[in-house]
Structures are given as structure tokens and as C-alpha cells.
Amino acid sequence: MPPIEPRSAEPARSWAWPKRYEVRSQLASGGFGIILRAFDREAGHDVAVKVPRPVAVDPSHLDRFRREAAIVSTLRHENVLRALASDTSGEVFLPHFVTELIHGVTLHHRMIHDGRMAFEEIAQVGAQLTEALAAIHRAEVVHNDIKPTNVMVDPNGKVTVIDFGLAVAATEPAPRQAVGSWAYQAPEALDALLTRHRGDPTTAPTPSTAADVYAAGLVLHELTTGERVFDATSHEYQDVRAAAGKDVPRLSEARPGTPPAWDGVVARMTARDPADRPTAAEVAEEIRGIAPPPPGSGTASRTASVGLTPVSHDRSQSSAPAPRRSDESRTSPRVQHEPGKSAALKKDRTK
């Protein structure tokens, strides 16, 4: 991916809106951008259009926006948000990029309403999530903000990784303040934050593919137990220190009856030492070896042979839904899963 040339000195100005897109509603708004639902007159269907917040608020937002658009346009995988078009030059039109409109809900929304998932369903989510990450990493990109609000699932069980607002090219220096959600940070990132708190302002977490795998492991752990592993919701010293000193509990302890194979996968993903974590591609291959066939594949279930005990998805037997945290209350989408209607793409990330 070519480097993005900074244009932070650009003044705020008025841009024309591309007539190809008829805005129908605002789906989400965050600290760095706004997501709109629009009708694409040429394609004949609805799409999601992301635009930056006015550069008068913070000129660096436009640089970040251009970086995100460039990264999304390089990614091609069925489980990764698909870019359709973009124009971030700002020469005539308001800088924008267009993506598919996802029909579904975020994993966070799903857990809020349904609690923890059955093992078979979690394995399907995990396989698709890690396959998406493997494709992102092959493109030399680090997502840098894997969490339940950035993973969507549609009514057919298809998973899509979204929101590349903090993504960085693995070959490029990480932009300042490119730190994902605190509760899903890897130990090495938390250690860097602690060093900064102790008086070294030049120290910052370095985004890495291993950190993405760790965050994905925390997501799968949360889906299995119905509870978030860490409560860190800010960069306050005490929150970071508390999270940095904790190990991820084994699923076999947190949810009795967890299949040993699944317990082992998540434990390796969340190893404290990044050198001990498998790659996303290795995890995807391992999960596919223990997961039942995808929905609608027509293949007989393999759960008995691989040790994934079928679990009825009965809300009366599920643990209490994951509580809404202070940071999620700002970032989770307001989505209503209604037949025949598109759900909101997601709530854009806020800082």
C-alpha cells in the first residue's frame, strides 16, 4: 500500500456532495467520522458512505480518514468489509469512501440480547474471524481494534470485520495515538502504556499481528463465557496497571464443560508472550478442524468426532448477558434486526 501523504494543513471548506449517492439516514457518528446510509443511483441499492468530521475540529482527522480509506480499498476477503468506491482527494467532493451495507448486528449487540453462545456457533464465528484476520495480515495490515463492536454477524451466521479507523500498514510507522480499545489490548501494549505513564512520553504501543490475535482471543473468550475478561475502559494508570497484571483465565475454569480443544485454542491466542501466540492463519486452520460445518453446507455434523459437545441455545440456561460498559454505551450500534431491513452498519469508534 502506498504511503498516505499528510495534508493536515488543509483548511476547513465546503465541498459538493456526489449526486450518485442519495443520503437516506445517518447510521453512526464517532470522534473521527460519520457513517451514512445512502442509495447508490448507479448500482440500484443501498450502501454505507463514510465521511470525515470537519477538519476544522482536528486537521489530523482527515489524514487518518485517508489512511483508513486506502487500507480498506486494498482488502479482499468475504469476511472483511468490502470497499466499493472512494474519493478522498477533496478536490471537488466531500472526501468519502463507500462500502457494502452490512445486514446484521455486532457481536456486542448479540451478547447483550442473547448472552453467551453455544460452542458450535462460537467456533463458526471464530473460524471466520481468524480467517478474516489472516487475510488482513497477508495484506500487511494490522487491524488494531478487534472487539465485539467491530465484528458483525448476519442472520445466516456470516461474520464481517469492520471499522478500520485505527488500522495501520505493517510496513509503515504507527500514527500517534493509534491505540485500540483498552479492554482488548495485548499485555505488551499495556506494558508500553505503563512505561509512558511512568514518565517516558515517547513510548507507545506498537500495533502488531500478534496483538490482533490476542484481541480476537479475548473476543472468543467473551463469547464463550458471556463476560468480558478485562474491565479496563480508559488509559488511566490504575486501569492499565490492573489489566496488565492479569492473566486470561482458562475457559475450562470460567465455563465448566468447555471442550478441551476449544479451551486450548483460546489459551494459545491469549498467551502473555506474543512469541507464544499462533498466527491468525494457524488459528483459523485449527478452528476449522474442530468446528462443525458452516450453516447450509449440507455436510453432516462433526461435533461428536471432534469433541464439541452440542449445547442448546436456551436463554433460560444461559448466563446473564454481558453488562454494558461505559465505553460500549458510546460505541455499540443501535440496531434492530427486522426481516427485510438493513441494520445499521455500526456505531463508529469514538475516543
Protein backbone atom coordinates (compact mmCIF):
# COMPACT_ATOMS: atom_id res chain seq x y z
CA MET A 1 0.00 0.00 0.00
CA PRO A 2 1.46 3.41 -0.93
CA PRO A 3 2.11 5.77 1.97
CA ILE A 4 -0.50 8.43 2.64
CA GLU A 5 0.87 11.94 2.27
CA PRO A 6 -0.16 14.15 5.21
CA ARG A 7 -2.38 17.09 4.36
CA SER A 8 -3.03 18.31 7.85
CA ALA A 9 -2.62 21.94 6.86
CA GLU A 10 -5.80 21.94 4.75
CA PRO A 11 -8.34 24.48 6.00
CA ALA A 12 -12.00 23.69 6.57
CA ARG A 13 -14.04 24.32 3.44
CA SER A 14 -17.33 23.49 1.75
CA TRP A 15 -17.40 20.52 -0.59
CA ALA A 16 -20.01 19.31 -3.07
CA TRP A 17 -21.87 16.09 -2.37
CA PRO A 18 -21.59 13.39 -5.09
CA LYS A 19 -25.04 13.17 -6.70
CA ARG A 20 -24.61 9.45 -7.27
CA TYR A 21 -25.48 8.84 -3.61
CA GLU A 22 -28.84 9.84 -2.16
CA VAL A 23 -28.48 10.08 1.60
CA ARG A 24 -31.28 8.31 3.46
CA SER A 25 -30.15 8.39 7.07
CA GLN A 26 -27.23 8.67 9.42
CA LEU A 27 -26.18 5.29 10.73
CA ALA A 28 -23.43 6.23 13.14
CA SER A 29 -21.30 9.09 14.36
CA GLY A 30 -18.00 8.99 16.21
CA GLY A 31 -14.97 11.04 17.03
CA PHE A 32 -13.36 10.64 13.62
CA GLY A 33 -16.15 10.10 11.11
CA ILE A 34 -19.81 9.82 10.24
CA ILE A 35 -21.42 6.82 8.50
CA LEU A 36 -24.41 7.46 6.27
CA ARG A 37 -26.85 5.12 4.62
CA ALA A 38 -27.33 6.15 1.02
CA PHE A 39 -28.95 4.88 -2.16
CA ASP A 40 -26.45 4.31 -4.96
CA ARG A 41 -28.32 5.53 -8.04
CA GLU A 42 -25.96 3.75 -10.43
CA ALA A 43 -25.86 0.39 -8.65
CA GLY A 44 -29.52 0.47 -7.62
CA HIS A 45 -29.10 -0.49 -3.96
CA ASP A 46 -28.24 0.99 -0.57
CA VAL A 47 -24.63 1.40 0.56
CA ALA A 48 -22.75 2.83 3.52
CA VAL A 49 -20.85 6.07 2.96
CA LYS A 50 -18.28 7.22 5.47
CA VAL A 51 -17.24 10.87 5.62
CA PRO A 52 -14.79 12.60 7.97
CA ARG A 53 -15.77 15.03 10.62
CA PRO A 54 -14.97 18.66 9.70
CA VAL A 55 -11.20 19.15 9.59
CA ALA A 56 -11.67 22.38 11.50
CA VAL A 57 -12.17 20.22 14.62
CA ASP A 58 -8.83 18.45 14.20
CA PRO A 59 -6.93 18.60 10.88
CA SER A 60 -5.27 15.26 11.59
CA HIS A 61 -8.65 13.54 11.30
CA LEU A 62 -8.57 13.93 7.51
CA ASP A 63 -5.16 12.24 7.35
CA ARG A 64 -6.47 9.38 9.46
CA PHE A 65 -9.57 9.16 7.26
CA ARG A 66 -7.48 8.96 4.07
CA ARG A 67 -5.35 6.23 5.65
CA GLU A 68 -8.44 4.21 6.54
CA ALA A 69 -9.90 4.55 3.03
CA ALA A 70 -6.61 3.46 1.45
CA ILE A 71 -6.34 0.42 3.72
CA VAL A 72 -9.92 -0.74 3.22
CA SER A 73 -9.54 -0.48 -0.56
CA THR A 74 -6.65 -2.97 -0.50
CA LEU A 75 -8.50 -5.73 1.36
CA ARG A 76 -10.38 -8.51 -0.41
CA HIS A 77 -11.98 -11.26 1.65
CA GLU A 78 -15.55 -12.46 2.14
CA ASN A 79 -15.34 -11.80 5.89
CA VAL A 80 -13.85 -8.29 5.60
CA LEU A 81 -15.84 -5.13 4.97
CA ARG A 82 -15.85 -4.62 1.19
CA ALA A 83 -14.94 -1.23 -0.26
CA LEU A 84 -16.92 -0.15 -3.33
CA ALA A 85 -15.59 3.31 -4.19
CA SER A 86 -13.75 6.26 -2.70
CA ASP A 87 -12.74 9.83 -3.36
CA THR A 88 -10.68 11.30 -0.57
CA SER A 89 -8.86 13.95 -2.62
CA GLY A 90 -11.17 16.75 -1.53
CA GLU A 91 -10.67 18.48 -4.87
CA VAL A 92 -14.39 18.68 -5.68
CA PHE A 93 -16.45 16.41 -3.48
CA LEU A 94 -16.56 15.92 0.25
CA PRO A 95 -13.93 13.23 0.99
CA HIS A 96 -15.72 9.92 1.32
CA PHE A 97 -15.47 6.21 0.81
CA VAL A 98 -18.24 3.76 0.10
CA THR A 99 -18.64 0.22 1.43
CA GLU A 100 -21.21 -2.52 1.37
CA LEU A 101 -24.08 -2.10 3.81
CA ILE A 102 -24.00 -4.94 6.32
CA HIS A 103 -27.29 -6.65 7.19
CA GLY A 104 -26.85 -7.86 10.72
CA VAL A 105 -25.78 -6.95 14.25
CA THR A 106 -22.49 -6.67 16.08
CA LEU A 107 -21.29 -9.43 18.38
CA HIS A 108 -21.67 -6.98 21.25
CA HIS A 109 -25.32 -6.43 20.37
CA ARG A 110 -25.81 -10.16 20.05
CA MET A 111 -24.38 -10.84 23.51
CA ILE A 112 -26.39 -8.04 25.09
CA HIS A 113 -29.59 -9.67 23.87
CA ASP A 114 -28.72 -13.38 23.93
CA GLY A 115 -25.87 -13.86 26.40
CA ARG A 116 -23.18 -16.42 25.73
CA MET A 117 -23.31 -18.58 22.61
CA ALA A 118 -23.32 -22.32 22.03
CA PHE A 119 -19.88 -23.79 21.34
CA GLU A 120 -20.69 -24.72 17.74
CA GLU A 121 -21.74 -21.16 16.92
CA ILE A 122 -18.72 -19.66 18.67
CA ALA A 123 -16.44 -21.94 16.66
CA GLN A 124 -18.07 -20.78 13.41
CA VAL A 125 -17.62 -17.15 14.42
CA GLY A 126 -14.03 -17.83 15.48
CA ALA A 127 -13.13 -19.56 12.22
CA GLN A 128 -14.47 -16.69 10.11
CA LEU A 129 -12.98 -14.01 12.37
CA THR A 130 -9.49 -15.52 12.24
CA GLU A 131 -9.71 -16.19 8.51
CA ALA A 132 -10.55 -12.52 8.04
CA LEU A 133 -7.59 -11.54 10.23
CA ALA A 134 -5.31 -13.86 8.27
CA ALA A 135 -6.33 -12.11 5.04
CA ILE A 136 -5.81 -8.69 6.64
CA HIS A 137 -2.35 -9.72 7.85
CA ARG A 138 -1.40 -11.16 4.45
CA ALA A 139 -2.12 -7.69 3.07
CA GLU A 140 0.44 -6.38 5.60
CA VAL A 141 -2.21 -4.58 7.61
CA VAL A 142 -2.84 -4.64 11.37
CA HIS A 143 -6.49 -4.02 12.31
CA ASN A 144 -5.54 -2.71 15.75
CA ASP A 145 -9.06 -2.57 17.18
CA ILE A 146 -10.59 -6.04 17.22
CA LYS A 147 -13.51 -6.12 19.68
CA PRO A 148 -17.16 -7.24 19.70
CA THR A 149 -18.45 -3.93 18.34
CA ASN A 150 -16.17 -4.26 15.29
CA VAL A 151 -17.36 -7.71 14.28
CA MET A 152 -20.78 -8.18 12.69
CA VAL A 153 -22.79 -11.32 12.07
CA ASP A 154 -25.73 -11.60 9.68
CA PRO A 155 -28.85 -13.80 10.04
CA ASN A 156 -27.08 -16.61 8.14
CA GLY A 157 -24.11 -16.60 10.50
CA LYS A 158 -21.71 -14.82 8.16
CA VAL A 159 -19.12 -12.74 10.00
CA THR A 160 -17.73 -9.42 8.76
CA VAL A 161 -14.84 -7.49 10.32
CA ILE A 162 -15.49 -3.76 10.14
CA ASP A 163 -14.09 -0.37 11.23
CA PHE A 164 -10.50 0.14 10.08
CA GLY A 165 -10.24 3.59 11.62
CA LEU A 166 -7.21 2.59 13.70
CA ALA A 167 -5.72 0.10 11.23
CA VAL A 168 -2.12 0.59 10.18
CA ALA A 169 0.05 -0.78 7.42
CA ALA A 170 2.56 -3.19 8.93
CA THR A 171 5.30 -1.60 6.81
CA GLU A 172 4.54 1.96 7.92
CA PRO A 173 5.26 3.67 11.25
CA ALA A 174 2.22 3.64 13.51
CA PRO A 175 0.46 7.01 13.73
CA ARG A 176 0.48 8.71 17.11
CA GLN A 177 -2.40 7.71 19.37
CA ALA A 178 -3.18 4.61 17.27
CA VAL A 179 -4.37 2.67 20.29
CA GLY A 180 -7.43 0.45 20.22
CA SER A 181 -9.93 -0.19 22.99
CA TRP A 182 -8.24 -0.66 26.34
CA ALA A 183 -10.14 -3.78 27.36
CA TYR A 184 -8.77 -5.67 24.33
CA GLN A 185 -5.16 -4.55 24.43
CA ALA A 186 -2.40 -7.18 24.48
CA PRO A 187 -0.08 -7.29 27.52
CA GLU A 188 2.87 -5.86 25.55
CA ALA A 189 0.73 -2.84 24.58
CA LEU A 190 -0.35 -2.34 28.19
CA ASP A 191 3.29 -2.54 29.30
CA ALA A 192 4.15 0.22 26.83
CA LEU A 193 1.30 2.33 28.20
CA LEU A 194 2.60 1.81 31.73
CA THR A 195 6.07 2.94 30.65
CA ARG A 196 4.52 6.09 29.21
CA HIS A 197 2.64 6.72 32.46
CA ARG A 198 5.89 6.37 34.39
CA GLY A 199 7.48 9.28 32.60
CA ASP A 200 8.55 8.26 29.08
CA PRO A 201 6.18 10.14 26.75
CA THR A 202 7.90 8.74 23.65
CA THR A 203 6.86 5.17 24.44
CA ALA A 204 3.72 4.00 22.66
CA PRO A 205 2.17 0.59 21.95
CA THR A 206 3.29 -0.87 18.64
CA PRO A 207 0.40 -2.42 16.68
CA SER A 208 1.17 -5.99 15.64
CA THR A 209 -0.48 -9.03 14.12
CA ALA A 210 0.17 -10.88 17.40
CA ALA A 211 -1.82 -8.20 19.25
CA ASP A 212 -4.70 -8.69 16.79
CA VAL A 213 -4.69 -12.43 17.56
CA TYR A 214 -4.72 -11.69 21.29
CA ALA A 215 -7.70 -9.34 20.93
CA ALA A 216 -9.54 -11.94 18.85
CA GLY A 217 -8.85 -14.47 21.60
CA LEU A 218 -10.42 -12.15 24.16
CA VAL A 219 -13.48 -11.78 21.91
CA LEU A 220 -13.87 -15.57 21.64
CA HIS A 221 -13.37 -15.91 25.39
CA GLU A 222 -16.14 -13.35 25.93
CA LEU A 223 -18.49 -15.16 23.54
CA THR A 224 -17.89 -18.38 25.44
CA THR A 225 -18.43 -17.04 28.97
CA GLY A 226 -20.78 -14.13 28.31
CA GLU A 227 -18.48 -11.85 30.30
CA ARG A 228 -15.67 -9.50 29.34
CA VAL A 229 -12.24 -10.65 30.50
CA PHE A 230 -10.85 -7.22 31.46
CA ASP A 231 -12.67 -4.12 32.63
CA ALA A 232 -10.13 -1.51 31.52
CA THR A 233 -12.11 1.22 29.79
CA SER A 234 -9.66 4.12 29.86
CA HIS A 235 -5.96 4.92 29.76
CA GLU A 236 -5.94 5.92 33.41
CA TYR A 237 -2.87 4.49 35.10
CA GLN A 238 -4.74 2.40 37.64
CA ASP A 239 -6.93 0.78 34.96
CA VAL A 240 -3.99 -0.05 32.73
CA ARG A 241 -1.91 -1.39 35.61
CA ALA A 242 -4.75 -3.61 36.81
CA ALA A 243 -5.29 -5.12 33.36
CA ALA A 244 -1.56 -5.54 32.66
CA GLY A 245 -1.10 -7.64 35.78
CA LYS A 246 -3.82 -10.18 34.98
CA ASP A 247 -3.67 -13.40 33.02
CA VAL A 248 -6.58 -14.57 30.93
CA PRO A 249 -8.45 -17.27 32.88
CA ARG A 250 -8.74 -20.67 31.21
CA LEU A 251 -12.15 -21.32 29.70
CA SER A 252 -12.24 -24.70 31.41
CA GLU A 253 -12.38 -22.79 34.69
CA ALA A 254 -14.61 -19.93 33.58
CA ARG A 255 -17.18 -22.16 31.86
CA PRO A 256 -17.16 -25.76 33.06
CA GLY A 257 -17.81 -28.20 30.25
CA THR A 258 -15.81 -26.23 27.69
CA PRO A 259 -14.39 -28.71 25.15
CA PRO A 260 -10.63 -29.15 25.76
CA ALA A 261 -9.85 -28.38 22.12
CA TRP A 262 -11.61 -25.01 22.32
CA ASP A 263 -10.04 -24.23 25.69
CA GLY A 264 -6.59 -24.84 24.19
CA VAL A 265 -7.16 -22.68 21.10
CA VAL A 266 -8.24 -19.63 23.10
CA ALA A 267 -5.46 -20.15 25.66
CA ARG A 268 -2.80 -20.08 22.92
CA MET A 269 -4.34 -17.00 21.31
CA THR A 270 -4.18 -15.14 24.62
CA ALA A 271 -0.69 -16.21 25.68
CA ARG A 272 1.09 -13.41 27.55
CA ASP A 273 4.22 -13.67 25.37
CA PRO A 274 3.42 -12.66 21.76
CA ALA A 275 6.03 -15.16 20.55
CA ASP A 276 3.89 -17.96 22.00
CA ARG A 277 0.76 -16.96 20.08
CA PRO A 278 -0.10 -18.68 16.80
CA THR A 279 -0.71 -16.64 13.67
CA ALA A 280 -4.26 -15.87 12.62
CA ALA A 281 -3.90 -18.34 9.73
CA GLU A 282 -2.79 -21.09 12.11
CA VAL A 283 -5.71 -20.40 14.44
CA ALA A 284 -8.20 -20.43 11.55
CA GLU A 285 -6.90 -23.80 10.36
CA GLU A 286 -7.08 -25.24 13.87
CA ILE A 287 -10.61 -23.98 14.47
CA ARG A 288 -11.81 -25.31 11.12
CA GLY A 289 -10.52 -28.68 12.26
CA ILE A 290 -12.72 -28.68 15.34
CA ALA A 291 -15.71 -26.62 14.19
CA PRO A 292 -18.90 -28.10 12.75
CA PRO A 293 -19.63 -27.39 9.07
CA PRO A 294 -20.89 -23.90 8.19
CA PRO A 295 -24.67 -23.43 8.20
CA GLY A 296 -26.29 -24.63 4.99
CA SER A 297 -23.28 -26.65 3.86
CA GLY A 298 -25.30 -29.85 3.74
CA THR A 299 -22.47 -31.72 5.48
CA ALA A 300 -23.22 -33.97 8.44
CA SER A 301 -22.23 -32.54 11.80
CA ARG A 302 -18.75 -33.42 13.04
CA THR A 303 -19.27 -32.30 16.62
CA ALA A 304 -19.25 -35.81 18.04
CA SER A 305 -15.96 -36.72 16.40
CA VAL A 306 -14.08 -33.54 17.29
CA GLY A 307 -15.24 -33.07 20.87
CA LEU A 308 -17.50 -30.04 20.56
CA THR A 309 -20.47 -31.01 22.70
CA PRO A 310 -23.72 -29.62 21.25
CA VAL A 311 -25.27 -27.01 23.55
CA SER A 312 -28.83 -25.84 23.26
CA HIS A 313 -29.06 -22.07 22.84
CA ASP A 314 -31.69 -21.70 25.56
CA ARG A 315 -31.76 -18.23 27.06
CA SER A 316 -33.18 -19.61 30.29
CA GLN A 317 -30.00 -21.68 30.71
CA SER A 318 -27.55 -19.07 29.52
CA SER A 319 -25.54 -16.88 31.80
CA ALA A 320 -26.56 -13.29 32.20
CA PRO A 321 -25.77 -11.12 29.17
CA ALA A 322 -22.51 -9.23 29.21
CA PRO A 323 -23.16 -5.94 31.04
CA ARG A 324 -22.98 -2.74 29.02
CA ARG A 325 -19.78 -0.92 29.95
CA SER A 326 -19.28 2.81 29.89
CA ASP A 327 -17.19 2.71 26.71
CA GLU A 328 -19.56 0.35 24.91
CA SER A 329 -22.54 2.56 25.69
CA ARG A 330 -20.93 5.12 23.42
CA THR A 331 -19.75 2.79 20.70
CA SER A 332 -22.27 -0.02 20.33
CA PRO A 333 -24.70 0.27 17.44
CA ARG A 334 -28.36 0.90 17.73
CA VAL A 335 -29.57 -1.88 15.51
CA GLN A 336 -32.89 -3.58 15.15
CA HIS A 337 -32.81 -6.93 13.45
CA GLU A 338 -36.00 -6.79 11.43
CA PRO A 339 -36.77 -9.09 8.48
CA GLY A 340 -36.25 -7.33 5.19
CA LYS A 341 -34.47 -4.35 6.64
CA SER A 342 -30.80 -3.45 6.82
CA ALA A 343 -29.33 -2.98 10.23
CA ALA A 344 -27.09 -0.05 10.96
CA LEU A 345 -23.56 -0.71 9.85
CA LYS A 346 -22.26 0.04 13.34
CA LYS A 347 -21.55 2.82 15.74
CA ASP A 348 -18.35 4.46 14.61
CA ARG A 349 -15.45 4.38 17.02
CA THR A 350 -15.20 7.21 19.49
CA LYS A 351 -12.24 8.29 21.57
